[in-house]
């Protein structure tokens, strides 16, 4: 079995486990998270305003004068077609598909859980 075969089998196992994963319970919204949401909403509103101006026939320099944004920011936003988010999301761990087994309670699984430091809390599903 080559390294590519092992990698392909591992990806298959991870994708199946992710498809079978239980939905994650939503956490209570913290004040920091509320500020992040508000900031993103503000950026989205500014972007909608900036995106509407070229449709009215204004050039980048006129948009810069009206909004006070940097010329490069305006160019970047118009090229991207969306407001920036900077949110990368939660990364998957290689052990995630096996957490249900590790949290099962068998002696071998308990020892493995302790050695890897895996938590028994569910993580975001669909992240591969």
C-alpha atoms as a PDB file:
ATOM      1  CA  UNK A   1       0.000   0.000   0.000  1.00  0.00           C
ATOM      2  CA  UNK A   2       1.527   3.308  -1.045  1.00  0.00           C
ATOM      3  CA  UNK A   3       1.439   6.572   0.832  1.00  0.00           C
ATOM      4  CA  UNK A   4      -1.143   7.916  -1.638  1.00  0.00           C
ATOM      5  CA  UNK A   5      -3.415   4.932  -0.921  1.00  0.00           C
ATOM      6  CA  UNK A   6      -3.157   5.493   2.824  1.00  0.00           C
ATOM      7  CA  UNK A   7      -3.895   9.170   2.356  1.00  0.00           C
ATOM      8  CA  UNK A   8      -6.926   8.423   0.168  1.00  0.00           C
ATOM      9  CA  UNK A   9      -8.294   5.917   2.711  1.00  0.00           C
ATOM     10  CA  UNK A  10      -7.762   8.398   5.562  1.00  0.00           C
ATOM     11  CA  UNK A  11      -9.628  11.125   3.652  1.00  0.00           C
ATOM     12  CA  UNK A  12     -12.492   8.717   3.003  1.00  0.00           C
ATOM     13  CA  UNK A  13     -12.713   7.802   6.690  1.00  0.00           C
ATOM     14  CA  UNK A  14     -12.634  11.445   7.751  1.00  0.00           C
ATOM     15  CA  UNK A  15     -15.298  12.478   5.241  1.00  0.00           C
ATOM     16  CA  UNK A  16     -17.602   9.626   6.311  1.00  0.00           C
ATOM     17  CA  UNK A  17     -17.119  10.477   9.971  1.00  0.00           C
ATOM     18  CA  UNK A  18     -17.814  14.145   9.283  1.00  0.00           C
ATOM     19  CA  UNK A  19     -21.021  13.223   7.437  1.00  0.00           C
ATOM     20  CA  UNK A  20     -22.166  11.108  10.386  1.00  0.00           C
ATOM     21  CA  UNK A  21     -21.202  13.693  13.031  1.00  0.00           C
ATOM     22  CA  UNK A  22     -23.859  15.025  15.362  1.00  0.00           C
ATOM     23  CA  UNK A  23     -24.884  18.669  14.947  1.00  0.00           C
ATOM     24  CA  UNK A  24     -23.053  21.056  17.238  1.00  0.00           C
ATOM     25  CA  UNK A  25     -25.070  22.847  19.881  1.00  0.00           C
ATOM     26  CA  UNK A  26     -24.920  26.596  19.510  1.00  0.00           C
ATOM     27  CA  UNK A  27     -23.061  28.449  22.235  1.00  0.00           C
ATOM     28  CA  UNK A  28     -24.498  31.458  24.020  1.00  0.00           C
ATOM     29  CA  UNK A  29     -23.490  34.658  22.283  1.00  0.00           C
ATOM     30  CA  UNK A  30     -20.812  36.582  24.170  1.00  0.00           C
ATOM     31  CA  UNK A  31     -20.322  40.348  24.088  1.00  0.00           C
ATOM     32  CA  UNK A  32     -17.136  39.881  22.093  1.00  0.00           C
ATOM     33  CA  UNK A  33     -19.027  37.833  19.520  1.00  0.00           C
ATOM     34  CA  UNK A  34     -21.762  40.494  19.392  1.00  0.00           C
ATOM     35  CA  UNK A  35     -19.086  43.149  18.707  1.00  0.00           C
ATOM     36  CA  UNK A  36     -17.646  40.992  15.935  1.00  0.00           C
ATOM     37  CA  UNK A  37     -21.074  40.580  14.361  1.00  0.00           C
ATOM     38  CA  UNK A  38     -21.739  44.322  14.622  1.00  0.00           C
ATOM     39  CA  UNK A  39     -18.369  45.136  13.045  1.00  0.00           C
ATOM     40  CA  UNK A  40     -19.056  42.752  10.174  1.00  0.00           C
ATOM     41  CA  UNK A  41     -22.518  44.265   9.687  1.00  0.00           C
ATOM     42  CA  UNK A  42     -20.957  47.749   9.580  1.00  0.00           C
ATOM     43  CA  UNK A  43     -18.368  46.621   6.995  1.00  0.00           C
ATOM     44  CA  UNK A  44     -21.102  45.001   4.928  1.00  0.00           C
ATOM     45  CA  UNK A  45     -23.153  48.228   4.984  1.00  0.00           C
ATOM     46  CA  UNK A  46     -20.102  50.285   3.913  1.00  0.00           C
ATOM     47  CA  UNK A  47     -19.410  47.767   1.161  1.00  0.00           C
ATOM     48  CA  UNK A  48     -22.991  47.948  -0.124  1.00  0.00           C
ATOM     49  CA  UNK A  49     -22.681  51.742  -0.278  1.00  0.00           C
ATOM     50  CA  UNK A  50     -19.313  51.540  -2.078  1.00  0.00           C
ATOM     51  CA  UNK A  51     -20.594  48.877  -4.494  1.00  0.00           C
ATOM     52  CA  UNK A  52     -23.614  51.000  -5.429  1.00  0.00           C
ATOM     53  CA  UNK A  53     -21.542  54.044  -6.407  1.00  0.00           C
ATOM     54  CA  UNK A  54     -19.885  52.597  -9.563  1.00  0.00           C
ATOM     55  CA  UNK A  55     -23.331  51.566 -10.777  1.00  0.00           C
ATOM     56  CA  UNK A  56     -24.262  55.238 -10.571  1.00  0.00           C
ATOM     57  CA  UNK A  57     -21.305  56.018 -12.830  1.00  0.00           C
ATOM     58  CA  UNK A  58     -18.800  57.226 -10.255  1.00  0.00           C
ATOM     59  CA  UNK A  59     -15.106  56.405 -10.573  1.00  0.00           C
ATOM     60  CA  UNK A  60     -12.804  55.152  -7.846  1.00  0.00           C
ATOM     61  CA  UNK A  61     -11.454  58.617  -7.026  1.00  0.00           C
ATOM     62  CA  UNK A  62     -14.960  60.015  -6.591  1.00  0.00           C
ATOM     63  CA  UNK A  63     -15.857  57.064  -4.353  1.00  0.00           C
ATOM     64  CA  UNK A  64     -12.717  57.693  -2.270  1.00  0.00           C
ATOM     65  CA  UNK A  65     -13.634  61.375  -1.845  1.00  0.00           C
ATOM     66  CA  UNK A  66     -17.195  60.511  -0.818  1.00  0.00           C
ATOM     67  CA  UNK A  67     -16.468  57.637   1.568  1.00  0.00           C
ATOM     68  CA  UNK A  68     -13.079  58.589   2.992  1.00  0.00           C
ATOM     69  CA  UNK A  69     -11.749  55.091   2.381  1.00  0.00           C
ATOM     70  CA  UNK A  70      -8.362  54.350   0.889  1.00  0.00           C
ATOM     71  CA  UNK A  71      -8.204  54.074  -2.894  1.00  0.00           C
ATOM     72  CA  UNK A  72      -6.677  50.602  -2.607  1.00  0.00           C
ATOM     73  CA  UNK A  73      -9.429  49.528  -0.194  1.00  0.00           C
ATOM     74  CA  UNK A  74     -12.092  50.617  -2.665  1.00  0.00           C
ATOM     75  CA  UNK A  75     -10.319  48.853  -5.537  1.00  0.00           C
ATOM     76  CA  UNK A  76      -9.921  45.680  -3.479  1.00  0.00           C
ATOM     77  CA  UNK A  77     -13.574  45.649  -2.390  1.00  0.00           C
ATOM     78  CA  UNK A  78     -14.849  46.237  -5.912  1.00  0.00           C
ATOM     79  CA  UNK A  79     -12.643  43.487  -7.340  1.00  0.00           C
ATOM     80  CA  UNK A  80     -13.562  41.007  -4.602  1.00  0.00           C
ATOM     81  CA  UNK A  81     -17.284  41.695  -4.880  1.00  0.00           C
ATOM     82  CA  UNK A  82     -17.782  41.254  -1.137  1.00  0.00           C
ATOM     83  CA  UNK A  83     -16.836  42.848   2.147  1.00  0.00           C
ATOM     84  CA  UNK A  84     -13.833  41.330   3.978  1.00  0.00           C
ATOM     85  CA  UNK A  85     -14.550  38.960   6.855  1.00  0.00           C
ATOM     86  CA  UNK A  86     -11.171  37.872   8.268  1.00  0.00           C
ATOM     87  CA  UNK A  87     -12.980  34.914   9.839  1.00  0.00           C
ATOM     88  CA  UNK A  88     -11.072  31.726   9.213  1.00  0.00           C
ATOM     89  CA  UNK A  89     -13.381  29.324  10.992  1.00  0.00           C
ATOM     90  CA  UNK A  90     -12.490  26.453  13.243  1.00  0.00           C
ATOM     91  CA  UNK A  91      -9.875  24.048  11.956  1.00  0.00           C
ATOM     92  CA  UNK A  92     -10.483  20.332  12.078  1.00  0.00           C
ATOM     93  CA  UNK A  93      -8.190  18.076  14.043  1.00  0.00           C
ATOM     94  CA  UNK A  94      -7.091  14.741  12.671  1.00  0.00           C
ATOM     95  CA  UNK A  95      -8.548  13.044  15.741  1.00  0.00           C
ATOM     96  CA  UNK A  96     -12.065  14.537  15.344  1.00  0.00           C
ATOM     97  CA  UNK A  97     -13.635  11.530  13.563  1.00  0.00           C
ATOM     98  CA  UNK A  98     -12.521   9.274  16.393  1.00  0.00           C
ATOM     99  CA  UNK A  99     -13.707  11.385  19.342  1.00  0.00           C
ATOM    100  CA  UNK A 100     -16.998   9.422  19.680  1.00  0.00           C
ATOM    101  CA  UNK A 101     -14.983   6.208  20.034  1.00  0.00           C
ATOM    102  CA  UNK A 102     -12.537   7.820  22.430  1.00  0.00           C
ATOM    103  CA  UNK A 103     -15.369   9.155  24.555  1.00  0.00           C
ATOM    104  CA  UNK A 104     -17.031   5.726  24.666  1.00  0.00           C
ATOM    105  CA  UNK A 105     -15.445   4.803  27.982  1.00  0.00           C
ATOM    106  CA  UNK A 106     -13.492   1.624  27.244  1.00  0.00           C
ATOM    107  CA  UNK A 107     -10.200   1.282  29.087  1.00  0.00           C
ATOM    108  CA  UNK A 108      -8.109   1.387  25.928  1.00  0.00           C
ATOM    109  CA  UNK A 109     -10.051   4.377  24.621  1.00  0.00           C
ATOM    110  CA  UNK A 110      -9.678   6.213  27.931  1.00  0.00           C
ATOM    111  CA  UNK A 111      -5.917   5.737  27.858  1.00  0.00           C
ATOM    112  CA  UNK A 112      -5.801   6.951  24.261  1.00  0.00           C
ATOM    113  CA  UNK A 113      -7.947   9.958  25.119  1.00  0.00           C
ATOM    114  CA  UNK A 114      -5.611  10.901  27.955  1.00  0.00           C
ATOM    115  CA  UNK A 115      -2.535  10.522  25.758  1.00  0.00           C
ATOM    116  CA  UNK A 116      -3.941  12.643  22.907  1.00  0.00           C
ATOM    117  CA  UNK A 117      -5.758  15.127  25.103  1.00  0.00           C
ATOM    118  CA  UNK A 118      -8.949  14.765  23.036  1.00  0.00           C
ATOM    119  CA  UNK A 119     -11.984  16.501  24.446  1.00  0.00           C
ATOM    120  CA  UNK A 120     -15.343  14.809  24.342  1.00  0.00           C
ATOM    121  CA  UNK A 121     -17.128  17.971  23.305  1.00  0.00           C
ATOM    122  CA  UNK A 122     -18.484  17.890  19.758  1.00  0.00           C
ATOM    123  CA  UNK A 123     -16.797  20.167  17.257  1.00  0.00           C
ATOM    124  CA  UNK A 124     -18.053  21.880  14.146  1.00  0.00           C
ATOM    125  CA  UNK A 125     -19.377  19.321  11.708  1.00  0.00           C
ATOM    126  CA  UNK A 126     -18.534  19.407   8.033  1.00  0.00           C
ATOM    127  CA  UNK A 127     -15.067  20.815   8.606  1.00  0.00           C
ATOM    128  CA  UNK A 128     -12.470  18.722   6.840  1.00  0.00           C
END
